[in-house]
Amino acid sequence: MEKGYVQVYTGNGKGKTTAALGLALRAAGYGMKTYIGQFMKGQHYGELDAAKMLNGFVVIEQYGLPEFCTPSSPPDPRQVEAAQKGLARIKEVLQSGEYDIVVADELCTAIYFKLISLEDALDLVRLKPAHVELVITGRYAPKQLMEAADLVTEMREVKHYYTEGVSARDGIER
């Protein structure tokens, strides 16, 4: 790409990670390579297996523990350590020149949970090479991060079957 932009997908509605995965799939169709770093995720999701089928066009790494991350004060030191290792890895990948698109999945939520600082997230934006597209997802995107982005999409929940007791389903929500 000649020029890459910064995109933020945020909000309380479903679809932030799914939108980033859709972008990666579309880019693969044009021979572009996408790296997805998933903050706070250490569980199995269908996209992990699907990425392997895309012959290296989409690479996903997780920066989380197997147990679900919940907000706490102070934050769980093990979760902070995992997120900080992920932050170092995503900075490395962003500047490697190997990928056309870099996705920092759930980075906004990691900021909200105090696993990553806002300043560290803004550093990612500043470190982004001109030709790389940077996509940042997660609920609770800070105002400063949205201002630094070129595109911001807010997913708004209107209705969700989760409120009726439907758990996350394989292939749909995970």
C-alpha atoms as a PDB file:
ATOM      1  CA  MET A   1       0.000   0.000   0.000  1.00  0.00           C
ATOM      2  CA  GLU A   2       1.143   3.480  -0.743  1.00  0.00           C
ATOM      3  CA  LYS A   3      -0.641   4.937   2.303  1.00  0.00           C
ATOM      4  CA  GLY A   4      -1.937   3.117   5.329  1.00  0.00           C
ATOM      5  CA  TYR A   5      -4.438   4.559   7.769  1.00  0.00           C
ATOM      6  CA  VAL A   6      -5.375   4.032  11.415  1.00  0.00           C
ATOM      7  CA  GLN A   7      -8.792   2.469  11.979  1.00  0.00           C
ATOM      8  CA  VAL A   8     -10.557   2.020  15.334  1.00  0.00           C
ATOM      9  CA  TYR A   9     -13.527  -0.345  15.777  1.00  0.00           C
ATOM     10  CA  THR A  10     -15.162   0.246  19.151  1.00  0.00           C
ATOM     11  CA  GLY A  11     -18.525   0.255  20.951  1.00  0.00           C
ATOM     12  CA  ASN A  12     -20.638  -2.161  22.951  1.00  0.00           C
ATOM     13  CA  GLY A  13     -22.113  -3.949  19.945  1.00  0.00           C
ATOM     14  CA  LYS A  14     -20.982  -7.256  18.467  1.00  0.00           C
ATOM     15  CA  GLY A  15     -18.660  -7.252  15.476  1.00  0.00           C
ATOM     16  CA  LYS A  16     -15.416  -5.419  16.222  1.00  0.00           C
ATOM     17  CA  THR A  17     -13.089  -8.408  15.940  1.00  0.00           C
ATOM     18  CA  THR A  18     -15.273  -9.853  13.187  1.00  0.00           C
ATOM     19  CA  ALA A  19     -14.860  -6.640  11.149  1.00  0.00           C
ATOM     20  CA  ALA A  20     -11.080  -6.796  11.549  1.00  0.00           C
ATOM     21  CA  LEU A  21     -11.081 -10.457  10.490  1.00  0.00           C
ATOM     22  CA  GLY A  22     -13.216  -9.582   7.473  1.00  0.00           C
ATOM     23  CA  LEU A  23     -10.705  -6.912   6.483  1.00  0.00           C
ATOM     24  CA  ALA A  24      -7.889  -9.482   6.798  1.00  0.00           C
ATOM     25  CA  LEU A  25      -9.812 -11.935   4.616  1.00  0.00           C
ATOM     26  CA  ARG A  26     -10.470  -9.288   1.968  1.00  0.00           C
ATOM     27  CA  ALA A  27      -6.812  -8.202   2.002  1.00  0.00           C
ATOM     28  CA  ALA A  28      -5.661 -11.829   1.607  1.00  0.00           C
ATOM     29  CA  GLY A  29      -7.707 -11.936  -1.591  1.00  0.00           C
ATOM     30  CA  TYR A  30      -5.384  -9.224  -2.929  1.00  0.00           C
ATOM     31  CA  GLY A  31      -2.235 -10.983  -1.756  1.00  0.00           C
ATOM     32  CA  MET A  32      -1.784  -8.751   1.290  1.00  0.00           C
ATOM     33  CA  LYS A  33      -0.500 -10.044   4.614  1.00  0.00           C
ATOM     34  CA  THR A  34      -2.226  -9.293   7.913  1.00  0.00           C
ATOM     35  CA  TYR A  35      -0.935  -9.802  11.446  1.00  0.00           C
ATOM     36  CA  ILE A  36      -3.526  -9.933  14.238  1.00  0.00           C
ATOM     37  CA  GLY A  37      -2.384  -9.646  17.838  1.00  0.00           C
ATOM     38  CA  GLN A  38      -5.191 -10.494  20.248  1.00  0.00           C
ATOM     39  CA  PHE A  39      -4.868  -8.805  23.638  1.00  0.00           C
ATOM     40  CA  MET A  40      -6.587 -10.458  26.628  1.00  0.00           C
ATOM     41  CA  LYS A  41      -7.418 -13.580  24.617  1.00  0.00           C
ATOM     42  CA  GLY A  42      -5.910 -16.956  25.402  1.00  0.00           C
ATOM     43  CA  GLN A  43      -8.855 -19.201  24.622  1.00  0.00           C
ATOM     44  CA  HIS A  44      -9.595 -21.048  21.409  1.00  0.00           C
ATOM     45  CA  TYR A  45     -11.501 -19.121  18.748  1.00  0.00           C
ATOM     46  CA  GLY A  46     -12.413 -20.347  15.264  1.00  0.00           C
ATOM     47  CA  GLU A  47     -10.326 -17.655  13.599  1.00  0.00           C
ATOM     48  CA  LEU A  48      -7.159 -19.309  14.922  1.00  0.00           C
ATOM     49  CA  ASP A  49      -7.826 -22.399  12.786  1.00  0.00           C
ATOM     50  CA  ALA A  50      -9.154 -20.390   9.836  1.00  0.00           C
ATOM     51  CA  ALA A  51      -5.988 -18.264   9.697  1.00  0.00           C
ATOM     52  CA  LYS A  52      -3.903 -21.425   9.279  1.00  0.00           C
ATOM     53  CA  MET A  53      -5.903 -22.186   6.122  1.00  0.00           C
ATOM     54  CA  LEU A  54      -4.897 -18.860   4.571  1.00  0.00           C
ATOM     55  CA  ASN A  55      -1.301 -19.983   3.941  1.00  0.00           C
ATOM     56  CA  GLY A  56       0.436 -17.265   5.933  1.00  0.00           C
ATOM     57  CA  PHE A  57      -1.631 -14.370   4.563  1.00  0.00           C
ATOM     58  CA  VAL A  58      -3.227 -14.010   8.006  1.00  0.00           C
ATOM     59  CA  VAL A  59      -1.246 -14.681  11.185  1.00  0.00           C
ATOM     60  CA  ILE A  60      -2.877 -14.532  14.621  1.00  0.00           C
ATOM     61  CA  GLU A  61      -1.081 -14.533  17.970  1.00  0.00           C
ATOM     62  CA  GLN A  62      -2.747 -14.239  21.352  1.00  0.00           C
ATOM     63  CA  TYR A  63      -1.480 -12.140  24.258  1.00  0.00           C
ATOM     64  CA  GLY A  64      -3.691 -13.426  27.021  1.00  0.00           C
ATOM     65  CA  LEU A  65      -4.143 -16.155  29.550  1.00  0.00           C
ATOM     66  CA  PRO A  66      -6.548 -19.085  29.153  1.00  0.00           C
ATOM     67  CA  GLU A  67      -8.898 -17.704  31.811  1.00  0.00           C
ATOM     68  CA  PHE A  68     -11.247 -14.836  31.018  1.00  0.00           C
ATOM     69  CA  CYS A  69      -9.825 -11.430  31.909  1.00  0.00           C
ATOM     70  CA  THR A  70     -11.954  -9.250  34.179  1.00  0.00           C
ATOM     71  CA  PRO A  71     -11.294  -5.708  35.378  1.00  0.00           C
ATOM     72  CA  SER A  72      -9.756  -5.431  38.823  1.00  0.00           C
ATOM     73  CA  SER A  73      -8.027  -2.760  40.864  1.00  0.00           C
ATOM     74  CA  PRO A  74      -5.149  -3.197  40.813  1.00  0.00           C
ATOM     75  CA  PRO A  75      -5.092  -5.282  37.622  1.00  0.00           C
ATOM     76  CA  ASP A  76      -3.967  -8.920  37.765  1.00  0.00           C
ATOM     77  CA  PRO A  77      -0.152  -8.800  37.388  1.00  0.00           C
ATOM     78  CA  ARG A  78      -0.186 -11.916  35.181  1.00  0.00           C
ATOM     79  CA  GLN A  79      -2.629 -10.245  32.787  1.00  0.00           C
ATOM     80  CA  VAL A  80      -0.509  -7.065  32.771  1.00  0.00           C
ATOM     81  CA  GLU A  81       2.605  -9.102  31.975  1.00  0.00           C
ATOM     82  CA  ALA A  82       0.864 -10.926  29.110  1.00  0.00           C
ATOM     83  CA  ALA A  83      -0.428  -7.642  27.666  1.00  0.00           C
ATOM     84  CA  GLN A  84       2.978  -5.970  27.950  1.00  0.00           C
ATOM     85  CA  LYS A  85       4.647  -8.877  26.138  1.00  0.00           C
ATOM     86  CA  GLY A  86       1.974  -8.547  23.466  1.00  0.00           C
ATOM     87  CA  LEU A  87       2.572  -4.819  23.186  1.00  0.00           C
ATOM     88  CA  ALA A  88       6.298  -5.414  22.630  1.00  0.00           C
ATOM     89  CA  ARG A  89       5.507  -8.055  20.002  1.00  0.00           C
ATOM     90  CA  ILE A  90       3.014  -5.900  18.127  1.00  0.00           C
ATOM     91  CA  LYS A  91       5.501  -2.988  18.029  1.00  0.00           C
ATOM     92  CA  GLU A  92       8.089  -5.360  16.581  1.00  0.00           C
ATOM     93  CA  VAL A  93       5.652  -6.661  13.958  1.00  0.00           C
ATOM     94  CA  LEU A  94       4.398  -3.167  13.085  1.00  0.00           C
ATOM     95  CA  GLN A  95       7.908  -2.046  12.186  1.00  0.00           C
ATOM     96  CA  SER A  96       9.058  -5.315  10.586  1.00  0.00           C
ATOM     97  CA  GLY A  97       7.877  -4.454   7.078  1.00  0.00           C
ATOM     98  CA  GLU A  98       6.473  -7.975   6.768  1.00  0.00           C
ATOM     99  CA  TYR A  99       2.771  -7.076   7.015  1.00  0.00           C
ATOM    100  CA  ASP A 100       0.467  -4.726   5.126  1.00  0.00           C
ATOM    101  CA  ILE A 101      -2.122  -4.665   7.928  1.00  0.00           C
ATOM    102  CA  VAL A 102      -1.545  -4.954  11.666  1.00  0.00           C
ATOM    103  CA  VAL A 103      -4.523  -5.483  13.960  1.00  0.00           C
ATOM    104  CA  ALA A 104      -4.299  -4.784  17.696  1.00  0.00           C
ATOM    105  CA  ASP A 105      -7.429  -6.717  18.682  1.00  0.00           C
ATOM    106  CA  GLU A 106      -8.980  -5.739  22.043  1.00  0.00           C
ATOM    107  CA  LEU A 107      -6.317  -3.089  22.659  1.00  0.00           C
ATOM    108  CA  CYS A 108      -8.982  -0.564  23.701  1.00  0.00           C
ATOM    109  CA  THR A 109     -10.316  -2.991  26.308  1.00  0.00           C
ATOM    110  CA  ALA A 110      -6.768  -3.664  27.538  1.00  0.00           C
ATOM    111  CA  ILE A 111      -6.384   0.094  28.090  1.00  0.00           C
ATOM    112  CA  TYR A 112      -9.695   0.230  29.965  1.00  0.00           C
ATOM    113  CA  PHE A 113      -8.608  -2.724  32.153  1.00  0.00           C
ATOM    114  CA  LYS A 114      -5.306  -0.874  32.847  1.00  0.00           C
ATOM    115  CA  LEU A 115      -3.168  -3.601  31.253  1.00  0.00           C
ATOM    116  CA  ILE A 116      -1.779  -1.155  28.675  1.00  0.00           C
ATOM    117  CA  SER A 117      -1.428   2.620  29.043  1.00  0.00           C
ATOM    118  CA  LEU A 118      -3.110   5.054  26.696  1.00  0.00           C
ATOM    119  CA  GLU A 119       0.327   6.508  25.962  1.00  0.00           C
ATOM    120  CA  ASP A 120       1.591   3.080  24.857  1.00  0.00           C
ATOM    121  CA  ALA A 121      -1.385   2.767  22.498  1.00  0.00           C
ATOM    122  CA  LEU A 122      -0.740   6.226  21.074  1.00  0.00           C
ATOM    123  CA  ASP A 123       2.908   5.190  20.575  1.00  0.00           C
ATOM    124  CA  LEU A 124       1.666   2.424  18.268  1.00  0.00           C
ATOM    125  CA  VAL A 125      -0.059   5.041  16.152  1.00  0.00           C
ATOM    126  CA  ARG A 126       3.102   7.171  16.059  1.00  0.00           C
ATOM    127  CA  LEU A 127       5.317   4.157  15.238  1.00  0.00           C
ATOM    128  CA  LYS A 128       3.121   3.007  12.339  1.00  0.00           C
ATOM    129  CA  PRO A 129       5.029   3.076   9.064  1.00  0.00           C
ATOM    130  CA  ALA A 130       3.317   5.136   6.357  1.00  0.00           C
ATOM    131  CA  HIS A 131       2.454   2.115   4.184  1.00  0.00           C
ATOM    132  CA  VAL A 132       0.938  -0.044   6.975  1.00  0.00           C
ATOM    133  CA  GLU A 133      -2.766  -0.090   7.890  1.00  0.00           C
ATOM    134  CA  LEU A 134      -3.226  -0.227  11.682  1.00  0.00           C
ATOM    135  CA  VAL A 135      -6.540  -1.484  13.050  1.00  0.00           C
ATOM    136  CA  ILE A 136      -7.329  -1.190  16.759  1.00  0.00           C
ATOM    137  CA  THR A 137     -10.406  -2.864  18.234  1.00  0.00           C
ATOM    138  CA  GLY A 138     -12.185  -3.104  21.565  1.00  0.00           C
ATOM    139  CA  ARG A 139     -14.819  -1.510  23.721  1.00  0.00           C
ATOM    140  CA  TYR A 140     -14.144   1.765  25.520  1.00  0.00           C
ATOM    141  CA  ALA A 141     -11.847   3.425  22.956  1.00  0.00           C
ATOM    142  CA  PRO A 142     -10.346   6.485  24.648  1.00  0.00           C
ATOM    143  CA  LYS A 143     -11.176   9.853  23.097  1.00  0.00           C
ATOM    144  CA  GLN A 144      -7.496  10.597  22.397  1.00  0.00           C
ATOM    145  CA  LEU A 145      -7.094   7.336  20.472  1.00  0.00           C
ATOM    146  CA  MET A 146     -10.193   8.045  18.394  1.00  0.00           C
ATOM    147  CA  GLU A 147      -8.860  11.532  17.644  1.00  0.00           C
ATOM    148  CA  ALA A 148      -5.539  10.043  16.482  1.00  0.00           C
ATOM    149  CA  ALA A 149      -7.327   7.614  14.129  1.00  0.00           C
ATOM    150  CA  ASP A 150      -8.290   8.249  10.530  1.00  0.00           C
ATOM    151  CA  LEU A 151     -11.442   6.103  10.702  1.00  0.00           C
ATOM    152  CA  VAL A 152     -13.563   5.263  13.734  1.00  0.00           C
ATOM    153  CA  THR A 153     -16.504   2.868  13.637  1.00  0.00           C
ATOM    154  CA  GLU A 154     -18.692   2.399  16.683  1.00  0.00           C
ATOM    155  CA  MET A 155     -20.646  -0.847  16.929  1.00  0.00           C
ATOM    156  CA  ARG A 156     -23.867  -0.148  18.822  1.00  0.00           C
ATOM    157  CA  GLU A 157     -25.926  -2.936  20.298  1.00  0.00           C
ATOM    158  CA  VAL A 158     -29.576  -2.591  19.365  1.00  0.00           C
ATOM    159  CA  LYS A 159     -30.674  -6.128  20.218  1.00  0.00           C
ATOM    160  CA  HIS A 160     -28.714  -9.244  21.169  1.00  0.00           C
ATOM    161  CA  TYR A 161     -29.819 -12.785  21.966  1.00  0.00           C
ATOM    162  CA  TYR A 162     -27.218 -12.870  24.760  1.00  0.00           C
ATOM    163  CA  THR A 163     -29.755 -10.999  26.910  1.00  0.00           C
ATOM    164  CA  GLU A 164     -32.061 -14.015  26.484  1.00  0.00           C
ATOM    165  CA  GLY A 165     -29.412 -16.347  27.933  1.00  0.00           C
ATOM    166  CA  VAL A 166     -27.815 -17.558  24.686  1.00  0.00           C
ATOM    167  CA  SER A 167     -24.137 -18.353  25.297  1.00  0.00           C
ATOM    168  CA  ALA A 168     -21.343 -17.672  22.807  1.00  0.00           C
ATOM    169  CA  ARG A 169     -21.624 -20.171  19.961  1.00  0.00           C
ATOM    170  CA  ASP A 170     -18.760 -21.858  18.117  1.00  0.00           C
ATOM    171  CA  GLY A 171     -18.280 -20.379  14.676  1.00  0.00           C
ATOM    172  CA  ILE A 172     -20.473 -17.349  15.417  1.00  0.00           C
ATOM    173  CA  GLU A 173     -19.170 -15.581  18.526  1.00  0.00           C
ATOM    174  CA  ARG A 174     -15.998 -17.579  19.059  1.00  0.00           C
END
